[in-house]
Amino acid sequence: MDRRRERRLTLELPVRIWGVDRMARPFAEIVRVGNVSNRGAVLIGMRSKVQTGDLLDVQLGASRSQFRIVWMGVSGEAGIQALAMELPIFGLGNGIGLPRVFAMVGTG
């Protein structure tokens, strides 16, 4: 039985992230996001040297929000959680975020 508080969706989408690394240098990069929920996600393919507790800005399409890194994995994976005052950009079923992305599939 899954004990997680929120429903999750396994997918991979490109997102833009930026912040300040552990050497106090600004960075920006394009990574993939996977295993998303309303308030968090897993980043895949990060190259910047960041650590647990650091803040990141994440942009998906025109939506952006600020997140805290809650865990770091091997090979460029990081778990992120939206700050409490931020609107969810990976919203599942609330009319913003992913439903808008999925509505665009097949329209081009």
N, C-alpha and C. Protein backbone atom coordinates (compact mmCIF):
# COMPACT_ATOMS: atom_id res chain seq x y z
N MET A 1 0.84 -1.18 0.00
CA MET A 1 0.00 0.00 0.00
C MET A 1 0.88 1.24 0.00
N ASP A 2 0.57 2.20 -0.87
CA ASP A 2 1.33 3.43 -0.96
C ASP A 2 0.92 4.39 0.16
N ARG A 3 1.88 4.84 0.96
CA ARG A 3 1.58 5.71 2.09
C ARG A 3 1.78 7.19 1.75
N ARG A 4 1.98 7.51 0.50
CA ARG A 4 2.19 8.90 0.12
C ARG A 4 0.91 9.70 0.26
N ARG A 5 1.07 10.99 0.57
CA ARG A 5 -0.08 11.86 0.79
C ARG A 5 -0.76 12.27 -0.50
N GLU A 6 -0.02 12.29 -1.60
CA GLU A 6 -0.57 12.79 -2.85
C GLU A 6 -0.46 11.76 -3.96
N ARG A 7 -1.39 11.85 -4.88
CA ARG A 7 -1.37 11.02 -6.08
C ARG A 7 -0.16 11.42 -6.92
N ARG A 8 0.47 10.45 -7.58
CA ARG A 8 1.65 10.70 -8.40
C ARG A 8 1.42 10.20 -9.82
N LEU A 9 2.12 10.84 -10.73
CA LEU A 9 2.05 10.47 -12.13
C LEU A 9 3.47 10.27 -12.64
N THR A 10 3.74 9.09 -13.22
CA THR A 10 5.07 8.81 -13.74
C THR A 10 5.12 9.24 -15.20
N LEU A 11 6.02 10.17 -15.51
CA LEU A 11 6.20 10.68 -16.86
C LEU A 11 7.55 11.36 -16.93
N GLU A 12 7.93 11.81 -18.10
CA GLU A 12 9.16 12.59 -18.25
C GLU A 12 8.86 13.78 -19.14
N LEU A 13 9.12 14.97 -18.61
CA LEU A 13 8.94 16.22 -19.34
C LEU A 13 10.17 17.09 -19.13
N PRO A 14 10.56 17.90 -20.11
CA PRO A 14 11.66 18.83 -19.90
C PRO A 14 11.20 20.04 -19.09
N VAL A 15 12.04 20.46 -18.16
CA VAL A 15 11.79 21.68 -17.39
C VAL A 15 13.09 22.48 -17.32
N ARG A 16 12.94 23.76 -17.10
CA ARG A 16 14.10 24.64 -16.91
C ARG A 16 14.25 24.88 -15.42
N ILE A 17 15.46 24.72 -14.89
CA ILE A 17 15.72 25.01 -13.48
C ILE A 17 16.84 26.02 -13.37
N TRP A 18 16.83 26.79 -12.31
CA TRP A 18 17.93 27.70 -12.03
C TRP A 18 18.00 27.97 -10.54
N GLY A 19 19.19 28.38 -10.10
CA GLY A 19 19.42 28.64 -8.69
C GLY A 19 20.88 28.98 -8.47
N VAL A 20 21.35 28.70 -7.25
CA VAL A 20 22.74 28.95 -6.87
C VAL A 20 23.30 27.63 -6.36
N ASP A 21 24.46 27.21 -6.88
CA ASP A 21 25.03 25.92 -6.47
C ASP A 21 25.75 26.04 -5.13
N ARG A 22 26.32 24.94 -4.66
CA ARG A 22 26.96 24.94 -3.34
C ARG A 22 28.26 25.74 -3.28
N MET A 23 28.75 26.18 -4.46
CA MET A 23 29.92 27.07 -4.50
C MET A 23 29.50 28.53 -4.68
N ALA A 24 28.20 28.80 -4.47
CA ALA A 24 27.60 30.14 -4.58
C ALA A 24 27.66 30.71 -5.99
N ARG A 25 27.65 29.82 -7.00
CA ARG A 25 27.62 30.25 -8.40
C ARG A 25 26.23 30.03 -8.97
N PRO A 26 25.70 31.03 -9.66
CA PRO A 26 24.39 30.84 -10.29
C PRO A 26 24.47 29.82 -11.43
N PHE A 27 23.39 29.08 -11.63
CA PHE A 27 23.33 28.11 -12.72
C PHE A 27 21.93 28.10 -13.31
N ALA A 28 21.83 27.61 -14.52
CA ALA A 28 20.55 27.35 -15.18
C ALA A 28 20.76 26.16 -16.10
N GLU A 29 19.81 25.26 -16.15
CA GLU A 29 19.93 24.11 -17.03
C GLU A 29 18.56 23.53 -17.34
N ILE A 30 18.50 22.74 -18.39
CA ILE A 30 17.30 22.02 -18.76
C ILE A 30 17.48 20.58 -18.29
N VAL A 31 16.51 20.10 -17.50
CA VAL A 31 16.54 18.72 -17.00
C VAL A 31 15.17 18.10 -17.29
N ARG A 32 15.01 16.84 -16.92
CA ARG A 32 13.72 16.18 -17.06
C ARG A 32 13.07 16.07 -15.68
N VAL A 33 11.77 16.08 -15.68
CA VAL A 33 11.03 15.90 -14.44
C VAL A 33 10.24 14.60 -14.59
N GLY A 34 10.18 13.84 -13.52
CA GLY A 34 9.43 12.59 -13.52
C GLY A 34 8.77 12.37 -12.19
N ASN A 35 7.83 11.42 -12.13
CA ASN A 35 7.15 11.07 -10.88
C ASN A 35 6.63 12.32 -10.17
N VAL A 36 5.69 13.01 -10.80
CA VAL A 36 5.20 14.28 -10.28
C VAL A 36 3.96 14.12 -9.42
N SER A 37 3.78 15.05 -8.50
CA SER A 37 2.56 15.17 -7.70
C SER A 37 2.20 16.66 -7.71
N ASN A 38 1.13 17.02 -7.01
CA ASN A 38 0.76 18.44 -6.96
C ASN A 38 1.87 19.31 -6.38
N ARG A 39 2.59 18.80 -5.41
CA ARG A 39 3.55 19.63 -4.68
C ARG A 39 5.01 19.23 -4.86
N GLY A 40 5.31 18.24 -5.70
CA GLY A 40 6.70 17.84 -5.83
C GLY A 40 6.96 17.01 -7.07
N ALA A 41 8.24 16.64 -7.24
CA ALA A 41 8.64 15.86 -8.40
C ALA A 41 10.05 15.33 -8.18
N VAL A 42 10.47 14.49 -9.11
CA VAL A 42 11.85 14.03 -9.15
C VAL A 42 12.50 14.66 -10.37
N LEU A 43 13.63 15.34 -10.18
CA LEU A 43 14.41 15.89 -11.28
C LEU A 43 15.41 14.84 -11.74
N ILE A 44 15.57 14.71 -13.04
CA ILE A 44 16.46 13.70 -13.62
C ILE A 44 17.45 14.41 -14.53
N GLY A 45 18.73 14.08 -14.38
CA GLY A 45 19.76 14.63 -15.26
C GLY A 45 20.36 15.94 -14.82
N MET A 46 20.32 16.24 -13.52
CA MET A 46 20.94 17.48 -13.03
C MET A 46 22.45 17.37 -13.07
N ARG A 47 23.10 18.42 -13.54
CA ARG A 47 24.56 18.47 -13.57
C ARG A 47 25.13 19.42 -12.52
N SER A 48 24.34 20.39 -12.09
CA SER A 48 24.80 21.38 -11.12
C SER A 48 25.02 20.74 -9.75
N LYS A 49 25.99 21.25 -9.03
CA LYS A 49 26.32 20.74 -7.70
C LYS A 49 25.48 21.46 -6.66
N VAL A 50 24.36 20.83 -6.30
CA VAL A 50 23.46 21.38 -5.30
C VAL A 50 23.35 20.39 -4.15
N GLN A 51 22.68 20.80 -3.08
CA GLN A 51 22.56 19.92 -1.93
C GLN A 51 21.18 20.02 -1.31
N THR A 52 20.85 19.08 -0.46
CA THR A 52 19.58 19.06 0.23
C THR A 52 19.38 20.38 0.97
N GLY A 53 18.16 20.94 0.83
CA GLY A 53 17.84 22.21 1.48
C GLY A 53 17.96 23.41 0.55
N ASP A 54 18.69 23.27 -0.55
CA ASP A 54 18.83 24.38 -1.49
C ASP A 54 17.49 24.68 -2.16
N LEU A 55 17.32 25.93 -2.59
CA LEU A 55 16.13 26.35 -3.31
C LEU A 55 16.40 26.40 -4.79
N LEU A 56 15.40 26.02 -5.58
CA LEU A 56 15.48 26.05 -7.04
C LEU A 56 14.23 26.70 -7.59
N ASP A 57 14.36 27.40 -8.70
CA ASP A 57 13.21 27.83 -9.47
C ASP A 57 13.03 26.81 -10.58
N VAL A 58 11.79 26.41 -10.83
CA VAL A 58 11.47 25.42 -11.85
C VAL A 58 10.41 26.00 -12.76
N GLN A 59 10.64 25.88 -14.07
CA GLN A 59 9.68 26.38 -15.05
C GLN A 59 9.23 25.25 -15.96
N LEU A 60 7.91 25.09 -16.08
CA LEU A 60 7.28 24.13 -16.99
C LEU A 60 6.37 24.94 -17.89
N GLY A 61 6.74 25.09 -19.15
CA GLY A 61 5.98 25.96 -20.05
C GLY A 61 6.05 27.38 -19.53
N ALA A 62 4.91 28.02 -19.39
CA ALA A 62 4.86 29.39 -18.87
C ALA A 62 4.73 29.43 -17.35
N SER A 63 4.53 28.29 -16.71
CA SER A 63 4.36 28.23 -15.25
C SER A 63 5.69 28.05 -14.56
N ARG A 64 5.89 28.77 -13.48
CA ARG A 64 7.11 28.58 -12.70
C ARG A 64 6.81 28.70 -11.22
N SER A 65 7.66 28.04 -10.44
CA SER A 65 7.46 27.98 -9.01
C SER A 65 8.79 27.71 -8.33
N GLN A 66 8.85 27.96 -7.03
CA GLN A 66 10.09 27.73 -6.29
C GLN A 66 9.96 26.46 -5.45
N PHE A 67 11.03 25.68 -5.44
CA PHE A 67 11.05 24.38 -4.77
C PHE A 67 12.28 24.27 -3.88
N ARG A 68 12.18 23.38 -2.89
CA ARG A 68 13.32 23.03 -2.03
C ARG A 68 13.74 21.60 -2.37
N ILE A 69 15.04 21.38 -2.43
CA ILE A 69 15.56 20.02 -2.65
C ILE A 69 15.43 19.26 -1.34
N VAL A 70 14.71 18.13 -1.37
CA VAL A 70 14.49 17.35 -0.15
C VAL A 70 15.34 16.09 -0.10
N TRP A 71 15.82 15.62 -1.24
CA TRP A 71 16.77 14.51 -1.26
C TRP A 71 17.57 14.55 -2.54
N MET A 72 18.76 14.01 -2.46
CA MET A 72 19.66 13.90 -3.62
C MET A 72 19.97 12.43 -3.84
N GLY A 73 19.90 12.01 -5.08
CA GLY A 73 20.22 10.63 -5.42
C GLY A 73 21.49 10.57 -6.25
N VAL A 74 21.80 9.38 -6.69
CA VAL A 74 22.96 9.19 -7.54
C VAL A 74 22.60 9.58 -8.97
N SER A 75 23.58 9.83 -9.75
CA SER A 75 23.47 10.12 -11.18
C SER A 75 22.48 11.23 -11.52
N GLY A 76 22.53 12.33 -10.76
CA GLY A 76 21.78 13.52 -11.13
C GLY A 76 20.31 13.53 -10.82
N GLU A 77 19.85 12.74 -9.87
CA GLU A 77 18.46 12.76 -9.46
C GLU A 77 18.30 13.58 -8.18
N ALA A 78 17.17 14.28 -8.08
CA ALA A 78 16.86 15.05 -6.88
C ALA A 78 15.36 15.10 -6.68
N GLY A 79 14.94 14.92 -5.43
CA GLY A 79 13.53 15.08 -5.09
C GLY A 79 13.29 16.52 -4.67
N ILE A 80 12.25 17.13 -5.22
CA ILE A 80 11.96 18.53 -4.90
C ILE A 80 10.54 18.65 -4.37
N GLN A 81 10.33 19.65 -3.50
CA GLN A 81 9.02 19.92 -2.92
C GLN A 81 8.75 21.41 -3.04
N ALA A 82 7.54 21.77 -3.51
CA ALA A 82 7.18 23.17 -3.67
C ALA A 82 7.12 23.86 -2.31
N LEU A 83 7.55 25.11 -2.28
CA LEU A 83 7.40 25.89 -1.06
C LEU A 83 5.92 26.12 -0.80
N ALA A 84 5.55 26.28 0.45
CA ALA A 84 4.14 26.34 0.85
C ALA A 84 3.36 27.45 0.15
N MET A 85 3.97 28.60 -0.11
CA MET A 85 3.24 29.72 -0.70
C MET A 85 3.16 29.67 -2.22
N GLU A 86 3.77 28.67 -2.84
CA GLU A 86 3.82 28.58 -4.30
C GLU A 86 2.61 27.83 -4.87
N LEU A 87 2.15 28.29 -6.03
CA LEU A 87 1.10 27.57 -6.75
C LEU A 87 1.69 26.33 -7.39
N PRO A 88 0.95 25.23 -7.42
CA PRO A 88 1.49 24.00 -8.03
C PRO A 88 1.59 24.13 -9.55
N ILE A 89 2.77 23.84 -10.10
CA ILE A 89 2.91 23.85 -11.56
C ILE A 89 2.73 22.47 -12.14
N PHE A 90 2.77 21.44 -11.29
CA PHE A 90 2.53 20.08 -11.73
C PHE A 90 1.14 19.64 -11.29
N GLY A 91 0.18 20.56 -11.27
CA GLY A 91 -1.15 20.30 -10.75
C GLY A 91 -1.81 19.11 -11.44
N LEU A 92 -2.26 18.15 -10.67
CA LEU A 92 -2.94 16.97 -11.20
C LEU A 92 -4.44 17.15 -10.98
N GLY A 93 -5.14 17.55 -12.03
CA GLY A 93 -6.58 17.64 -11.95
C GLY A 93 -7.12 18.95 -11.42
N ASN A 94 -6.30 19.98 -11.30
CA ASN A 94 -6.81 21.25 -10.77
C ASN A 94 -6.88 22.34 -11.83
N GLY A 95 -6.74 21.98 -13.10
CA GLY A 95 -6.92 22.96 -14.17
C GLY A 95 -5.67 23.72 -14.55
N ILE A 96 -4.57 23.56 -13.82
CA ILE A 96 -3.32 24.21 -14.20
C ILE A 96 -2.24 23.15 -14.27
N GLY A 97 -1.14 23.49 -14.86
CA GLY A 97 -0.02 22.55 -14.91
C GLY A 97 -0.21 21.47 -15.94
N LEU A 98 -0.10 20.22 -15.54
CA LEU A 98 -0.07 19.09 -16.48
C LEU A 98 -1.31 18.94 -17.35
N PRO A 99 -2.52 19.13 -16.86
CA PRO A 99 -3.65 18.98 -17.77
C PRO A 99 -3.55 19.87 -19.01
N ARG A 100 -3.04 21.08 -18.86
CA ARG A 100 -2.85 21.97 -19.99
C ARG A 100 -1.81 21.42 -20.95
N VAL A 101 -0.74 20.83 -20.43
CA VAL A 101 0.29 20.22 -21.27
C VAL A 101 -0.30 19.07 -22.06
N PHE A 102 -1.07 18.20 -21.40
CA PHE A 102 -1.64 17.05 -22.09
C PHE A 102 -2.68 17.47 -23.12
N ALA A 103 -3.36 18.59 -22.92
CA ALA A 103 -4.35 19.07 -23.87
C ALA A 103 -3.70 19.44 -25.19
N MET A 104 -2.41 19.79 -25.16
CA MET A 104 -1.71 20.20 -26.37
C MET A 104 -1.26 19.01 -27.21
N VAL A 105 -1.19 17.83 -26.64
CA VAL A 105 -0.74 16.66 -27.38
C VAL A 105 -1.70 16.37 -28.52
N GLY A 106 -1.16 16.22 -29.72
CA GLY A 106 -1.97 15.90 -30.87
C GLY A 106 -2.62 17.09 -31.55
N THR A 107 -2.30 18.31 -31.09
CA THR A 107 -2.90 19.49 -31.70
C THR A 107 -2.03 20.10 -32.76
N GLY A 108 -0.84 19.56 -33.00
CA GLY A 108 0.09 20.18 -33.95
C GLY A 108 0.24 19.36 -35.13
